[in-house]
Protein backbone atom coordinates (compact mmCIF):
# COMPACT_ATOMS: atom_id res chain seq x y z
CA UNK A 1 -158.18 58.31 77.02
CA UNK A 2 -156.84 57.38 73.77
CA UNK A 3 -157.53 53.76 72.73
CA UNK A 4 -154.88 51.61 74.14
CA UNK A 5 -155.68 48.59 72.15
CA UNK A 6 -155.92 50.03 68.60
CA UNK A 7 -154.04 53.46 69.19
CA UNK A 8 -155.37 56.65 68.75
CA UNK A 9 -157.02 57.06 65.17
CA UNK A 10 -156.35 60.74 65.06
CA UNK A 11 -152.68 60.70 65.63
CA UNK A 12 -150.13 60.33 62.69
CA UNK A 13 -150.74 60.29 59.20
CA UNK A 14 -154.34 60.06 57.96
CA UNK A 15 -155.59 56.17 57.48
CA UNK A 16 -156.69 54.83 54.07
CA UNK A 17 -160.48 55.52 55.09
CA UNK A 18 -159.78 59.19 56.18
CA UNK A 19 -158.00 59.81 52.79
CA UNK A 20 -160.82 58.31 50.76
CA UNK A 21 -163.39 60.33 52.86
CA UNK A 22 -161.55 63.31 52.21
CA UNK A 23 -161.30 62.56 48.48
CA UNK A 24 -165.02 62.09 48.39
CA UNK A 25 -165.79 65.14 50.45
CA UNK A 26 -163.59 67.17 47.75
CA UNK A 27 -165.58 65.71 44.88
CA UNK A 28 -168.77 66.20 46.53
CA UNK A 29 -167.97 70.06 47.33
CA UNK A 30 -166.57 70.23 43.54
CA UNK A 31 -169.94 69.04 42.17
CA UNK A 32 -171.82 71.38 44.53
CA UNK A 33 -170.00 74.24 43.27
CA UNK A 34 -170.56 73.42 39.73
CA UNK A 35 -174.33 72.82 40.66
CA UNK A 36 -174.20 76.52 41.81
CA UNK A 37 -172.74 77.64 38.52
CA UNK A 38 -174.94 75.64 36.28
CA UNK A 39 -178.46 75.83 38.03
CA UNK A 40 -179.71 78.69 36.28
CA UNK A 41 -178.21 77.92 32.77
CA UNK A 42 -179.09 74.25 32.56
CA UNK A 43 -181.49 72.22 34.68
CA UNK A 44 -180.31 68.82 33.64
CA UNK A 45 -176.62 69.47 34.33
CA UNK A 46 -177.44 71.03 37.64
CA UNK A 47 -179.43 67.83 38.52
CA UNK A 48 -176.50 65.47 37.45
CA UNK A 49 -174.19 67.73 39.66
CA UNK A 50 -176.50 67.05 42.76
CA UNK A 51 -176.74 63.49 41.84
CA UNK A 52 -172.89 63.12 41.99
CA UNK A 53 -172.66 65.03 45.16
CA UNK A 54 -174.92 62.69 46.71
CA UNK A 55 -173.26 59.68 45.56
CA UNK A 56 -169.98 61.08 46.85
CA UNK A 57 -171.61 61.44 50.21
CA UNK A 58 -173.26 58.03 50.11
CA UNK A 59 -169.63 56.41 49.55
CA UNK A 60 -168.72 57.89 52.80
CA UNK A 61 -171.83 56.97 54.80
CA UNK A 62 -172.16 53.43 53.09
CA UNK A 63 -175.44 54.40 51.50
CA UNK A 64 -175.59 52.35 48.29
CA UNK A 65 -178.01 53.41 45.50
CA UNK A 66 -179.39 51.44 42.65
CA UNK A 67 -177.15 52.92 40.20
CA UNK A 68 -174.04 51.76 42.34
CA UNK A 69 -175.46 48.44 42.24
CA UNK A 70 -175.91 48.27 38.70
CA UNK A 71 -172.30 49.50 38.11
CA UNK A 72 -171.30 46.94 40.15
CA UNK A 73 -173.15 44.35 38.27
CA UNK A 74 -172.02 45.43 34.72
CA UNK A 75 -168.47 45.92 35.92
CA UNK A 76 -167.92 42.61 38.02
CA UNK A 77 -170.37 40.33 36.05
CA UNK A 78 -169.88 41.32 32.48
CA UNK A 79 -173.88 41.53 31.96
CA UNK A 80 -174.61 42.10 28.33
CA UNK A 81 -171.37 40.76 26.74
């Protein structure tokens, strides 16, 4: 039975979280497509595409890597200014 207290999460327009997930999945797929095109020409660029794909998936699953923490520190705490 659908959730009676909060409603059916699959009914109606997508929530902000679902939209955000969709955007990250699209960005992940795009990075993987670029990886497929670059893997034989430039190993460095191909590795960067895989890193970006993993990062987008991590934003959906809640996995936060060291780079994400450093980005927050430098963005929010103005380290180095």
